[in-house]
Amino acid sequence: MRKIFKSPVLQFFTAAALAGAATGSSAADTVNDRDLRQQQTSENTMQQHPYIGMWVTDDGRVRHELLPNGRYDEARGNRESAYRGRYDVTGNHIEYWDDTGFTADGDFVDGNTLHHGGMVLRRR
């Protein structure tokens, strides 16, 4: 007896699993491949983003390095890599997701100034 799945999500995974059975892959492989392609596209876009690079407070105490792979590395005083995580820029707004679960955001006021958490950072 054949079961019919009415949920579009179940239909997708069932179809992917059946297709994968013929090729030796699974529905999870199909989803993972799609996620990997999206991540690579995002990374390629970020590599060309104008805000990539080092952003520093005037006193040099806080330093944000926005990496081309969508990750950031923040140093505080003598503490290198005090915070690390991922970021996303939409227009002039940046969202941060620290690896420990902390979130923050900021705004690029012009091409050389970032307002973040009550601080002003400038491009270096």
PDB file of N, CA and C in Angstrom:
ATOM      1  N   MET A   1       0.835  -1.170   0.000  1.00  0.00           N
ATOM      2  CA  MET A   1       0.000   0.000   0.000  1.00  0.00           C
ATOM      3  C   MET A   1       0.888   1.244   0.000  1.00  0.00           C
ATOM      4  N   ARG A   2       0.557   2.199  -0.838  1.00  0.00           N
ATOM      5  CA  ARG A   2       1.347   3.409  -0.997  1.00  0.00           C
ATOM      6  C   ARG A   2       0.709   4.550  -0.227  1.00  0.00           C
ATOM      7  N   LYS A   3       1.534   5.285   0.559  1.00  0.00           N
ATOM      8  CA  LYS A   3       1.018   6.427   1.310  1.00  0.00           C
ATOM      9  C   LYS A   3       1.146   7.675   0.452  1.00  0.00           C
ATOM     10  N   ILE A   4       0.168   8.536   0.536  1.00  0.00           N
ATOM     11  CA  ILE A   4       0.202   9.807  -0.191  1.00  0.00           C
ATOM     12  C   ILE A   4       0.406  10.916   0.832  1.00  0.00           C
ATOM     13  N   PHE A   5       1.438  11.707   0.619  1.00  0.00           N
ATOM     14  CA  PHE A   5       1.754  12.814   1.522  1.00  0.00           C
ATOM     15  C   PHE A   5       1.138  14.088   0.971  1.00  0.00           C
ATOM     16  N   LYS A   6       0.347  14.769   1.791  1.00  0.00           N
ATOM     17  CA  LYS A   6      -0.326  15.979   1.353  1.00  0.00           C
ATOM     18  C   LYS A   6       0.502  17.233   1.636  1.00  0.00           C
ATOM     19  N   SER A   7       1.402  17.172   2.587  1.00  0.00           N
ATOM     20  CA  SER A   7       2.215  18.334   2.922  1.00  0.00           C
ATOM     21  C   SER A   7       3.232  18.588   1.812  1.00  0.00           C
ATOM     22  N   PRO A   8       3.340  19.847   1.310  1.00  0.00           N
ATOM     23  CA  PRO A   8       4.343  20.158   0.285  1.00  0.00           C
ATOM     24  C   PRO A   8       5.763  19.852   0.752  1.00  0.00           C
ATOM     25  N   VAL A   9       6.027  20.059   2.035  1.00  0.00           N
ATOM     26  CA  VAL A   9       7.362  19.775   2.560  1.00  0.00           C
ATOM     27  C   VAL A   9       7.642  18.279   2.496  1.00  0.00           C
ATOM     28  N   LEU A  10       6.687  17.473   2.943  1.00  0.00           N
ATOM     29  CA  LEU A  10       6.869  16.026   2.877  1.00  0.00           C
ATOM     30  C   LEU A  10       6.967  15.554   1.431  1.00  0.00           C
ATOM     31  N   GLN A  11       6.192  16.159   0.532  1.00  0.00           N
ATOM     32  CA  GLN A  11       6.266  15.800  -0.887  1.00  0.00           C
ATOM     33  C   GLN A  11       7.668  16.081  -1.420  1.00  0.00           C
ATOM     34  N   PHE A  12       8.232  17.239  -1.044  1.00  0.00           N
ATOM     35  CA  PHE A  12       9.576  17.587  -1.506  1.00  0.00           C
ATOM     36  C   PHE A  12      10.605  16.564  -1.033  1.00  0.00           C
ATOM     37  N   PHE A  13      10.588  16.271   0.274  1.00  0.00           N
ATOM     38  CA  PHE A  13      11.576  15.344   0.811  1.00  0.00           C
ATOM     39  C   PHE A  13      11.367  13.930   0.287  1.00  0.00           C
ATOM     40  N   THR A  14      10.112  13.546   0.086  1.00  0.00           N
ATOM     41  CA  THR A  14       9.831  12.212  -0.464  1.00  0.00           C
ATOM     42  C   THR A  14      10.358  12.128  -1.893  1.00  0.00           C
ATOM     43  N   ALA A  15      10.074  13.149  -2.699  1.00  0.00           N
ATOM     44  CA  ALA A  15      10.553  13.160  -4.087  1.00  0.00           C
ATOM     45  C   ALA A  15      12.076  13.185  -4.123  1.00  0.00           C
ATOM     46  N   ALA A  16      12.681  13.996  -3.261  1.00  0.00           N
ATOM     47  CA  ALA A  16      14.145  14.078  -3.230  1.00  0.00           C
ATOM     48  C   ALA A  16      14.755  12.753  -2.804  1.00  0.00           C
ATOM     49  N   ALA A  17      14.122  12.094  -1.835  1.00  0.00           N
ATOM     50  CA  ALA A  17      14.634  10.806  -1.368  1.00  0.00           C
ATOM     51  C   ALA A  17      14.515   9.756  -2.467  1.00  0.00           C
ATOM     52  N   LEU A  18      13.388   9.748  -3.179  1.00  0.00           N
ATOM     53  CA  LEU A  18      13.214   8.781  -4.267  1.00  0.00           C
ATOM     54  C   LEU A  18      14.210   9.055  -5.392  1.00  0.00           C
ATOM     55  N   ALA A  19      14.414  10.326  -5.714  1.00  0.00           N
ATOM     56  CA  ALA A  19      15.392  10.662  -6.743  1.00  0.00           C
ATOM     57  C   ALA A  19      16.792  10.291  -6.276  1.00  0.00           C
ATOM     58  N   GLY A  20      17.061  10.528  -4.977  1.00  0.00           N
ATOM     59  CA  GLY A  20      18.376  10.200  -4.431  1.00  0.00           C
ATOM     60  C   GLY A  20      18.640   8.714  -4.420  1.00  0.00           C
ATOM     61  N   ALA A  21      17.585   7.918  -4.225  1.00  0.00           N
ATOM     62  CA  ALA A  21      17.756   6.469  -4.202  1.00  0.00           C
ATOM     63  C   ALA A  21      18.277   5.978  -5.548  1.00  0.00           C
ATOM     64  N   ALA A  22      17.831   6.626  -6.627  1.00  0.00           N
ATOM     65  CA  ALA A  22      18.272   6.221  -7.958  1.00  0.00           C
ATOM     66  C   ALA A  22      19.708   6.665  -8.225  1.00  0.00           C
ATOM     67  N   THR A  23      20.145   7.764  -7.596  1.00  0.00           N
ATOM     68  CA  THR A  23      21.486   8.291  -7.859  1.00  0.00           C
ATOM     69  C   THR A  23      22.460   8.030  -6.731  1.00  0.00           C
ATOM     70  N   GLY A  24      21.981   7.461  -5.622  1.00  0.00           N
ATOM     71  CA  GLY A  24      22.860   7.180  -4.490  1.00  0.00           C
ATOM     72  C   GLY A  24      22.966   8.342  -3.519  1.00  0.00           C
ATOM     73  N   SER A  25      22.165   9.412  -3.702  1.00  0.00           N
ATOM     74  CA  SER A  25      22.186  10.531  -2.762  1.00  0.00           C
ATOM     75  C   SER A  25      20.890  10.542  -1.980  1.00  0.00           C
ATOM     76  N   SER A  26      20.797  11.424  -0.995  1.00  0.00           N
ATOM     77  CA  SER A  26      19.608  11.485  -0.148  1.00  0.00           C
ATOM     78  C   SER A  26      18.988  12.865  -0.210  1.00  0.00           C
ATOM     79  N   ALA A  27      17.788  13.004   0.370  1.00  0.00           N
ATOM     80  CA  ALA A  27      17.122  14.304   0.433  1.00  0.00           C
ATOM     81  C   ALA A  27      17.982  15.285   1.211  1.00  0.00           C
ATOM     82  N   ALA A  28      18.640  14.819   2.264  1.00  0.00           N
ATOM     83  CA  ALA A  28      19.511  15.695   3.064  1.00  0.00           C
ATOM     84  C   ALA A  28      20.662  16.213   2.217  1.00  0.00           C
ATOM     85  N   ASP A  29      21.214  15.349   1.345  1.00  0.00           N
ATOM     86  CA  ASP A  29      22.288  15.795   0.456  1.00  0.00           C
ATOM     87  C   ASP A  29      21.795  16.909  -0.454  1.00  0.00           C
ATOM     88  N   THR A  30      20.575  16.765  -0.984  1.00  0.00           N
ATOM     89  CA  THR A  30      20.008  17.774  -1.871  1.00  0.00           C
ATOM     90  C   THR A  30      19.861  19.098  -1.143  1.00  0.00           C
ATOM     91  N   VAL A  31      19.332  19.077   0.065  1.00  0.00           N
ATOM     92  CA  VAL A  31      19.162  20.288   0.862  1.00  0.00           C
ATOM     93  C   VAL A  31      20.520  20.872   1.211  1.00  0.00           C
ATOM     94  N   ASN A  32      21.473  20.042   1.638  1.00  0.00           N
ATOM     95  CA  ASN A  32      22.808  20.524   1.984  1.00  0.00           C
ATOM     96  C   ASN A  32      23.505  21.146   0.785  1.00  0.00           C
ATOM     97  N   ASP A  33      23.355  20.564  -0.394  1.00  0.00           N
ATOM     98  CA  ASP A  33      23.956  21.134  -1.603  1.00  0.00           C
ATOM     99  C   ASP A  33      23.374  22.509  -1.886  1.00  0.00           C
ATOM    100  N   ARG A  34      22.056  22.643  -1.737  1.00  0.00           N
ATOM    101  CA  ARG A  34      21.407  23.928  -1.976  1.00  0.00           C
ATOM    102  C   ARG A  34      21.902  24.956  -0.965  1.00  0.00           C
ATOM    103  N   ASP A  35      21.993  24.581   0.307  1.00  0.00           N
ATOM    104  CA  ASP A  35      22.480  25.495   1.342  1.00  0.00           C
ATOM    105  C   ASP A  35      23.917  25.918   1.057  1.00  0.00           C
ATOM    106  N   LEU A  36      24.750  24.973   0.627  1.00  0.00           N
ATOM    107  CA  LEU A  36      26.144  25.273   0.307  1.00  0.00           C
ATOM    108  C   LEU A  36      26.224  26.258  -0.856  1.00  0.00           C
ATOM    109  N   ARG A  37      25.414  26.062  -1.890  1.00  0.00           N
ATOM    110  CA  ARG A  37      25.416  26.978  -3.034  1.00  0.00           C
ATOM    111  C   ARG A  37      24.991  28.375  -2.598  1.00  0.00           C
ATOM    112  N   GLN A  38      23.965  28.475  -1.726  1.00  0.00           N
ATOM    113  CA  GLN A  38      23.527  29.781  -1.238  1.00  0.00           C
ATOM    114  C   GLN A  38      24.625  30.453  -0.424  1.00  0.00           C
ATOM    115  N   GLN A  39      25.320  29.685   0.412  1.00  0.00           N
ATOM    116  CA  GLN A  39      26.407  30.237   1.226  1.00  0.00           C
ATOM    117  C   GLN A  39      27.532  30.730   0.326  1.00  0.00           C
ATOM    118  N   GLN A  40      27.883  29.967  -0.696  1.00  0.00           N
ATOM    119  CA  GLN A  40      28.950  30.367  -1.605  1.00  0.00           C
ATOM    120  C   GLN A  40      28.567  31.632  -2.360  1.00  0.00           C
ATOM    121  N   THR A  41      27.303  31.742  -2.783  1.00  0.00           N
ATOM    122  CA  THR A  41      26.837  32.946  -3.463  1.00  0.00           C
ATOM    123  C   THR A  41      26.930  34.135  -2.540  1.00  0.00           C
ATOM    124  N   SER A  42      26.512  33.956  -1.275  1.00  0.00           N
ATOM    125  CA  SER A  42      26.585  35.025  -0.290  1.00  0.00           C
ATOM    126  C   SER A  42      28.034  35.444  -0.055  1.00  0.00           C
ATOM    127  N   GLU A  43      28.941  34.462   0.057  1.00  0.00           N
ATOM    128  CA  GLU A  43      30.359  34.769   0.270  1.00  0.00           C
ATOM    129  C   GLU A  43      30.932  35.523  -0.922  1.00  0.00           C
ATOM    130  N   ASN A  44      30.571  35.136  -2.135  1.00  0.00           N
ATOM    131  CA  ASN A  44      31.067  35.828  -3.322  1.00  0.00           C
ATOM    132  C   ASN A  44      30.574  37.269  -3.335  1.00  0.00           C
ATOM    133  N   THR A  45      29.318  37.493  -2.938  1.00  0.00           N
ATOM    134  CA  THR A  45      28.765  38.840  -2.864  1.00  0.00           C
ATOM    135  C   THR A  45      29.504  39.646  -1.807  1.00  0.00           C
ATOM    136  N   MET A  46      29.752  39.057  -0.618  1.00  0.00           N
ATOM    137  CA  MET A  46      30.413  39.766   0.472  1.00  0.00           C
ATOM    138  C   MET A  46      31.850  40.128   0.110  1.00  0.00           C
ATOM    139  N   GLN A  47      32.525  39.293  -0.681  1.00  0.00           N
ATOM    140  CA  GLN A  47      33.911  39.581  -1.039  1.00  0.00           C
ATOM    141  C   GLN A  47      34.028  40.902  -1.793  1.00  0.00           C
ATOM    142  N   GLN A  48      32.958  41.313  -2.423  1.00  0.00           N
ATOM    143  CA  GLN A  48      32.972  42.548  -3.197  1.00  0.00           C
ATOM    144  C   GLN A  48      32.295  43.700  -2.461  1.00  0.00           C
ATOM    145  N   HIS A  49      31.853  43.484  -1.225  1.00  0.00           N
ATOM    146  CA  HIS A  49      31.100  44.492  -0.491  1.00  0.00           C
ATOM    147  C   HIS A  49      32.008  45.644  -0.073  1.00  0.00           C
ATOM    148  N   PRO A  50      31.545  46.894  -0.206  1.00  0.00           N
ATOM    149  CA  PRO A  50      32.396  48.047   0.106  1.00  0.00           C
ATOM    150  C   PRO A  50      32.728  48.223   1.586  1.00  0.00           C
ATOM    151  N   TYR A  51      32.017  47.537   2.502  1.00  0.00           N
ATOM    152  CA  TYR A  51      32.284  47.706   3.928  1.00  0.00           C
ATOM    153  C   TYR A  51      33.262  46.671   4.490  1.00  0.00           C
ATOM    154  N   ILE A  52      33.750  45.771   3.656  1.00  0.00           N
ATOM    155  CA  ILE A  52      34.743  44.784   4.085  1.00  0.00           C
ATOM    156  C   ILE A  52      35.996  45.519   4.563  1.00  0.00           C
ATOM    157  N   GLY A  53      36.604  45.037   5.640  1.00  0.00           N
ATOM    158  CA  GLY A  53      37.862  45.619   6.099  1.00  0.00           C
ATOM    159  C   GLY A  53      37.834  45.940   7.582  1.00  0.00           C
ATOM    160  N   MET A  54      38.775  46.764   8.013  1.00  0.00           N
ATOM    161  CA  MET A  54      38.971  47.090   9.425  1.00  0.00           C
ATOM    162  C   MET A  54      38.266  48.387   9.784  1.00  0.00           C
ATOM    163  N   TRP A  55      37.540  48.355  10.924  1.00  0.00           N
ATOM    164  CA  TRP A  55      36.834  49.512  11.469  1.00  0.00           C
ATOM    165  C   TRP A  55      37.306  49.692  12.910  1.00  0.00           C
ATOM    166  N   VAL A  56      37.731  50.908  13.277  1.00  0.00           N
ATOM    167  CA  VAL A  56      38.401  51.134  14.559  1.00  0.00           C
ATOM    168  C   VAL A  56      37.851  52.393  15.237  1.00  0.00           C
ATOM    169  N   THR A  57      37.687  52.335  16.569  1.00  0.00           N
ATOM    170  CA  THR A  57      37.315  53.540  17.316  1.00  0.00           C
ATOM    171  C   THR A  57      38.497  54.506  17.278  1.00  0.00           C
ATOM    172  N   ASP A  58      38.219  55.797  17.495  1.00  0.00           N
ATOM    173  CA  ASP A  58      39.278  56.809  17.418  1.00  0.00           C
ATOM    174  C   ASP A  58      40.418  56.537  18.391  1.00  0.00           C
ATOM    175  N   ASP A  59      40.102  55.937  19.562  1.00  0.00           N
ATOM    176  CA  ASP A  59      41.155  55.648  20.532  1.00  0.00           C
ATOM    177  C   ASP A  59      41.852  54.305  20.258  1.00  0.00           C
ATOM    178  N   GLY A  60      41.388  53.586  19.247  1.00  0.00           N
ATOM    179  CA  GLY A  60      42.012  52.315  18.865  1.00  0.00           C
ATOM    180  C   GLY A  60      41.638  51.143  19.756  1.00  0.00           C
ATOM    181  N   ARG A  61      40.788  51.376  20.747  1.00  0.00           N
ATOM    182  CA  ARG A  61      40.452  50.318  21.713  1.00  0.00           C
ATOM    183  C   ARG A  61      39.609  49.193  21.114  1.00  0.00           C
ATOM    184  N   VAL A  62      38.651  49.530  20.256  1.00  0.00           N
ATOM    185  CA  VAL A  62      37.772  48.523  19.647  1.00  0.00           C
ATOM    186  C   VAL A  62      38.050  48.468  18.153  1.00  0.00           C
ATOM    187  N   ARG A  63      38.274  47.242  17.681  1.00  0.00           N
ATOM    188  CA  ARG A  63      38.597  47.035  16.270  1.00  0.00           C
ATOM    189  C   ARG A  63      37.725  45.915  15.710  1.00  0.00           C
ATOM    190  N   HIS A  64      36.937  46.240  14.693  1.00  0.00           N
ATOM    191  CA  HIS A  64      36.104  45.244  14.004  1.00  0.00           C
ATOM    192  C   HIS A  64      36.726  44.968  12.649  1.00  0.00           C
ATOM    193  N   GLU A  65      37.007  43.724  12.396  1.00  0.00           N
ATOM    194  CA  GLU A  65      37.439  43.360  11.050  1.00  0.00           C
ATOM    195  C   GLU A  65      36.297  42.589  10.395  1.00  0.00           C
ATOM    196  N   LEU A  66      35.722  43.192   9.359  1.00  0.00           N
ATOM    197  CA  LEU A  66      34.658  42.543   8.597  1.00  0.00           C
ATOM    198  C   LEU A  66      35.322  41.749   7.476  1.00  0.00           C
ATOM    199  N   LEU A  67      35.216  40.447   7.573  1.00  0.00           N
ATOM    200  CA  LEU A  67      35.898  39.553   6.631  1.00  0.00           C
ATOM    201  C   LEU A  67      35.020  39.288   5.413  1.00  0.00           C
ATOM    202  N   PRO A  68      35.621  38.983   4.277  1.00  0.00           N
ATOM    203  CA  PRO A  68      34.848  38.783   3.046  1.00  0.00           C
ATOM    204  C   PRO A  68      33.965  37.547   3.043  1.00  0.00           C
ATOM    205  N   ASN A  69      34.136  36.650   4.002  1.00  0.00           N
ATOM    206  CA  ASN A  69      33.325  35.432   4.048  1.00  0.00           C
ATOM    207  C   ASN A  69      32.080  35.585   4.928  1.00  0.00           C
ATOM    208  N   GLY A  70      31.748  36.850   5.309  1.00  0.00           N
ATOM    209  CA  GLY A  70      30.563  37.080   6.128  1.00  0.00           C
ATOM    210  C   GLY A  70      30.800  36.889   7.620  1.00  0.00           C
ATOM    211  N   ARG A  71      32.051  36.763   8.014  1.00  0.00           N
ATOM    212  CA  ARG A  71      32.419  36.624   9.427  1.00  0.00           C
ATOM    213  C   ARG A  71      33.087  37.915   9.881  1.00  0.00           C
ATOM    214  N   TYR A  72      33.105  38.124  11.204  1.00  0.00           N
ATOM    215  CA  TYR A  72      33.830  39.267  11.744  1.00  0.00           C
ATOM    216  C   TYR A  72      34.683  38.809  12.915  1.00  0.00           C
ATOM    217  N   ASP A  73      35.695  39.610  13.193  1.00  0.00           N
ATOM    218  CA  ASP A  73      36.597  39.367  14.316  1.00  0.00           C
ATOM    219  C   ASP A  73      36.766  40.710  15.020  1.00  0.00           C
ATOM    220  N   GLU A  74      36.380  40.761  16.295  1.00  0.00           N
ATOM    221  CA  GLU A  74      36.453  42.013  17.048  1.00  0.00           C
ATOM    222  C   GLU A  74      37.500  41.908  18.142  1.00  0.00           C
ATOM    223  N   ALA A  75      38.386  42.899  18.182  1.00  0.00           N
ATOM    224  CA  ALA A  75      39.394  42.991  19.240  1.00  0.00           C
ATOM    225  C   ALA A  75      38.995  44.118  20.178  1.00  0.00           C
ATOM    226  N   ARG A  76      39.274  43.932  21.465  1.00  0.00           N
ATOM    227  CA  ARG A  76      39.003  44.945  22.492  1.00  0.00           C
ATOM    228  C   ARG A  76      40.257  45.150  23.318  1.00  0.00           C
ATOM    229  N   GLY A  77      40.846  46.337  23.216  1.00  0.00           N
ATOM    230  CA  GLY A  77      42.081  46.620  23.943  1.00  0.00           C
ATOM    231  C   GLY A  77      43.171  45.649  23.531  1.00  0.00           C
ATOM    232  N   ASN A  78      43.796  44.991  24.524  1.00  0.00           N
ATOM    233  CA  ASN A  78      44.847  44.003  24.239  1.00  0.00           C
ATOM    234  C   ASN A  78      44.289  42.625  23.915  1.00  0.00           C
ATOM    235  N   ARG A  79      42.987  42.480  23.988  1.00  0.00           N
ATOM    236  CA  ARG A  79      42.342  41.180  23.776  1.00  0.00           C
ATOM    237  C   ARG A  79      41.980  40.982  22.297  1.00  0.00           C
ATOM    238  N   GLU A  80      42.845  40.341  21.569  1.00  0.00           N
ATOM    239  CA  GLU A  80      42.579  40.033  20.159  1.00  0.00           C
ATOM    240  C   GLU A  80      41.480  38.982  20.084  1.00  0.00           C
ATOM    241  N   SER A  81      40.669  39.050  19.058  1.00  0.00           N
ATOM    242  CA  SER A  81      39.575  38.086  18.837  1.00  0.00           C
ATOM    243  C   SER A  81      38.701  37.934  20.083  1.00  0.00           C
ATOM    244  N   ALA A  82      38.372  39.062  20.707  1.00  0.00           N
ATOM    245  CA  ALA A  82      37.507  39.046  21.893  1.00  0.00           C
ATOM    246  C   ALA A  82      36.119  38.527  21.531  1.00  0.00           C
ATOM    247  N   TYR A  83      35.653  38.872  20.339  1.00  0.00           N
ATOM    248  CA  TYR A  83      34.361  38.409  19.841  1.00  0.00           C
ATOM    249  C   TYR A  83      34.519  38.015  18.381  1.00  0.00           C
ATOM    250  N   ARG A  84      33.850  36.931  18.035  1.00  0.00           N
ATOM    251  CA  ARG A  84      33.834  36.466  16.642  1.00  0.00           C
ATOM    252  C   ARG A  84      32.421  36.024  16.311  1.00  0.00           C
ATOM    253  N   GLY A  85      32.080  36.129  15.056  1.00  0.00           N
ATOM    254  CA  GLY A  85      30.760  35.684  14.637  1.00  0.00           C
ATOM    255  C   GLY A  85      30.522  35.996  13.186  1.00  0.00           C
ATOM    256  N   ARG A  86      29.253  36.019  12.842  1.00  0.00           N
ATOM    257  CA  ARG A  86      28.902  36.320  11.457  1.00  0.00           C
ATOM    258  C   ARG A  86      28.173  37.648  11.416  1.00  0.00           C
ATOM    259  N   TYR A  87      28.108  38.224  10.236  1.00  0.00           N
ATOM    260  CA  TYR A  87      27.410  39.488  10.069  1.00  0.00           C
ATOM    261  C   TYR A  87      26.708  39.500   8.722  1.00  0.00           C
ATOM    262  N   ASP A  88      25.744  40.412   8.610  1.00  0.00           N
ATOM    263  CA  ASP A  88      25.036  40.593   7.352  1.00  0.00           C
ATOM    264  C   ASP A  88      24.761  42.079   7.194  1.00  0.00           C
ATOM    265  N   VAL A  89      25.017  42.596   6.007  1.00  0.00           N
ATOM    266  CA  VAL A  89      24.773  44.001   5.721  1.00  0.00           C
ATOM    267  C   VAL A  89      23.609  44.111   4.755  1.00  0.00           C
ATOM    268  N   THR A  90      22.636  44.942   5.117  1.00  0.00           N
ATOM    269  CA  THR A  90      21.523  45.259   4.236  1.00  0.00           C
ATOM    270  C   THR A  90      21.488  46.770   4.094  1.00  0.00           C
ATOM    271  N   GLY A  91      21.787  47.246   2.913  1.00  0.00           N
ATOM    272  CA  GLY A  91      21.885  48.692   2.713  1.00  0.00           C
ATOM    273  C   GLY A  91      23.020  49.238   3.548  1.00  0.00           C
ATOM    274  N   ASN A  92      22.688  50.141   4.471  1.00  0.00           N
ATOM    275  CA  ASN A  92      23.691  50.721   5.368  1.00  0.00           C
ATOM    276  C   ASN A  92      23.598  50.161   6.780  1.00  0.00           C
ATOM    277  N   HIS A  93      22.822  49.086   6.965  1.00  0.00           N
ATOM    278  CA  HIS A  93      22.611  48.500   8.287  1.00  0.00           C
ATOM    279  C   HIS A  93      23.364  47.174   8.395  1.00  0.00           C
ATOM    280  N   ILE A  94      24.009  46.958   9.538  1.00  0.00           N
ATOM    281  CA  ILE A  94      24.741  45.710   9.770  1.00  0.00           C
ATOM    282  C   ILE A  94      24.150  45.008  10.992  1.00  0.00           C
ATOM    283  N   GLU A  95      23.984  43.700  10.874  1.00  0.00           N
ATOM    284  CA  GLU A  95      23.536  42.844  11.977  1.00  0.00           C
ATOM    285  C   GLU A  95      24.688  41.902  12.313  1.00  0.00           C
ATOM    286  N   TYR A  96      24.959  41.742  13.598  1.00  0.00           N
ATOM    287  CA  TYR A  96      26.014  40.848  14.082  1.00  0.00           C
ATOM    288  C   TYR A  96      25.389  39.700  14.878  1.00  0.00           C
ATOM    289  N   TRP A  97      25.920  38.495  14.693  1.00  0.00           N
ATOM    290  CA  TRP A  97      25.549  37.331  15.498  1.00  0.00           C
ATOM    291  C   TRP A  97      26.840  36.724  16.018  1.00  0.00           C
ATOM    292  N   ASP A  98      27.142  36.985  17.286  1.00  0.00           N
ATOM    293  CA  ASP A  98      28.356  36.470  17.908  1.00  0.00           C
ATOM    294  C   ASP A  98      28.243  34.950  18.052  1.00  0.00           C
ATOM    295  N   ASP A  99      29.362  34.269  18.001  1.00  0.00           N
ATOM    296  CA  ASP A  99      29.373  32.809  18.141  1.00  0.00           C
ATOM    297  C   ASP A  99      28.826  32.342  19.487  1.00  0.00           C
ATOM    298  N   THR A 100      28.822  33.217  20.490  1.00  0.00           N
ATOM    299  CA  THR A 100      28.292  32.833  21.805  1.00  0.00           C
ATOM    300  C   THR A 100      26.793  33.077  21.918  1.00  0.00           C
ATOM    301  N   GLY A 101      26.176  33.667  20.880  1.00  0.00           N
ATOM    302  CA  GLY A 101      24.739  33.912  20.885  1.00  0.00           C
ATOM    303  C   GLY A 101      24.352  35.376  21.052  1.00  0.00           C
ATOM    304  N   PHE A 102      25.313  36.227  21.336  1.00  0.00           N
ATOM    305  CA  PHE A 102      25.055  37.663  21.488  1.00  0.00           C
ATOM    306  C   PHE A 102      24.732  38.263  20.122  1.00  0.00           C
ATOM    307  N   THR A 103      23.774  39.192  20.077  1.00  0.00           N
ATOM    308  CA  THR A 103      23.452  39.877  18.821  1.00  0.00           C
ATOM    309  C   THR A 103      23.628  41.375  19.001  1.00  0.00           C
ATOM    310  N   ALA A 104      23.934  42.046  17.920  1.00  0.00           N
ATOM    311  CA  ALA A 104      24.099  43.498  17.930  1.00  0.00           C
ATOM    312  C   ALA A 104      23.851  44.010  16.516  1.00  0.00           C
ATOM    313  N   ASP A 105      23.795  45.322  16.402  1.00  0.00           N
ATOM    314  CA  ASP A 105      23.640  45.898  15.074  1.00  0.00           C
ATOM    315  C   ASP A 105      24.317  47.255  15.028  1.00  0.00           C
ATOM    316  N   GLY A 106      24.325  47.849  13.857  1.00  0.00           N
ATOM    317  CA  GLY A 106      24.924  49.155  13.671  1.00  0.00           C
ATOM    318  C   GLY A 106      24.518  49.725  12.333  1.00  0.00           C
ATOM    319  N   ASP A 107      24.960  50.955  12.088  1.00  0.00           N
ATOM    320  CA  ASP A 107      24.642  51.629  10.832  1.00  0.00           C
ATOM    321  C   ASP A 107      25.877  52.324  10.294  1.00  0.00           C
ATOM    322  N   PHE A 108      26.077  52.184   9.007  1.00  0.00           N
ATOM    323  CA  PHE A 108      27.136  52.909   8.316  1.00  0.00           C
ATOM    324  C   PHE A 108      26.555  54.266   7.941  1.00  0.00           C
ATOM    325  N   VAL A 109      27.165  55.335   8.492  1.00  0.00           N
ATOM    326  CA  VAL A 109      26.646  56.675   8.271  1.00  0.00           C
ATOM    327  C   VAL A 109      27.114  57.213   6.928  1.00  0.00           C
ATOM    328  N   ASP A 110      28.321  56.924   6.586  1.00  0.00           N
ATOM    329  CA  ASP A 110      28.867  57.253   5.274  1.00  0.00           C
ATOM    330  C   ASP A 110      29.847  56.137   4.943  1.00  0.00           C
ATOM    331  N   GLY A 111      30.596  56.251   3.925  1.00  0.00           N
ATOM    332  CA  GLY A 111      31.507  55.186   3.541  1.00  0.00           C
ATOM    333  C   GLY A 111      32.642  54.943   4.514  1.00  0.00           C
ATOM    334  N   ASN A 112      32.821  55.852   5.496  1.00  0.00           N
ATOM    335  CA  ASN A 112      33.966  55.735   6.401  1.00  0.00           C
ATOM    336  C   ASN A 112      33.617  55.732   7.876  1.00  0.00           C
ATOM    337  N   THR A 113      32.334  55.702   8.251  1.00  0.00           N
ATOM    338  CA  THR A 113      31.932  55.765   9.650  1.00  0.00           C
ATOM    339  C   THR A 113      30.876  54.709   9.949  1.00  0.00           C
ATOM    340  N   LEU A 114      31.076  53.956  11.036  1.00  0.00           N
ATOM    341  CA  LEU A 114      30.143  52.937  11.493  1.00  0.00           C
ATOM    342  C   LEU A 114      29.724  53.276  12.915  1.00  0.00           C
ATOM    343  N   HIS A 115      28.426  53.419  13.155  1.00  0.00           N
ATOM    344  CA  HIS A 115      27.889  53.623  14.497  1.00  0.00           C
ATOM    345  C   HIS A 115      27.403  52.271  14.991  1.00  0.00           C
ATOM    346  N   HIS A 116      27.970  51.820  16.114  1.00  0.00           N
ATOM    347  CA  HIS A 116      27.669  50.481  16.629  1.00  0.00           C
ATOM    348  C   HIS A 116      27.760  50.495  18.155  1.00  0.00           C
ATOM    349  N   GLY A 117      26.665  50.143  18.825  1.00  0.00           N
ATOM    350  CA  GLY A 117      26.669  50.009  20.280  1.00  0.00           C
ATOM    351  C   GLY A 117      27.141  51.243  21.016  1.00  0.00           C
ATOM    352  N   GLY A 118      26.753  52.425  20.553  1.00  0.00           N
ATOM    353  CA  GLY A 118      27.166  53.666  21.201  1.00  0.00           C
ATOM    354  C   GLY A 118      28.583  54.093  20.848  1.00  0.00           C
ATOM    355  N   MET A 119      29.235  53.363  19.975  1.00  0.00           N
ATOM    356  CA  MET A 119      30.602  53.693  19.566  1.00  0.00           C
ATOM    357  C   MET A 119      30.598  54.208  18.121  1.00  0.00           C
ATOM    358  N   VAL A 120      31.620  54.943  17.796  1.00  0.00           N
ATOM    359  CA  VAL A 120      31.840  55.373  16.418  1.00  0.00           C
ATOM    360  C   VAL A 120      33.144  54.745  15.961  1.00  0.00           C
ATOM    361  N   LEU A 121      33.054  53.955  14.905  1.00  0.00           N
ATOM    362  CA  LEU A 121      34.251  53.315  14.344  1.00  0.00           C
ATOM    363  C   LEU A 121      34.482  53.892  12.956  1.00  0.00           C
ATOM    364  N   ARG A 122      35.745  54.009  12.616  1.00  0.00           N
ATOM    365  CA  ARG A 122      36.103  54.559  11.305  1.00  0.00           C
ATOM    366  C   ARG A 122      36.931  53.530  10.532  1.00  0.00           C
ATOM    367  N   ARG A 123      36.792  53.607   9.238  1.00  0.00           N
ATOM    368  CA  ARG A 123      37.539  52.692   8.367  1.00  0.00           C
ATOM    369  C   ARG A 123      39.034  52.948   8.483  1.00  0.00           C
ATOM    370  N   ARG A 124      39.800  51.866   8.543  1.00  0.00           N
ATOM    371  CA  ARG A 124      41.280  51.964   8.542  1.00  0.00           C
ATOM    372  C   ARG A 124      41.828  51.210   7.373  1.00  0.00           C
TER     373      ARG A 124
END
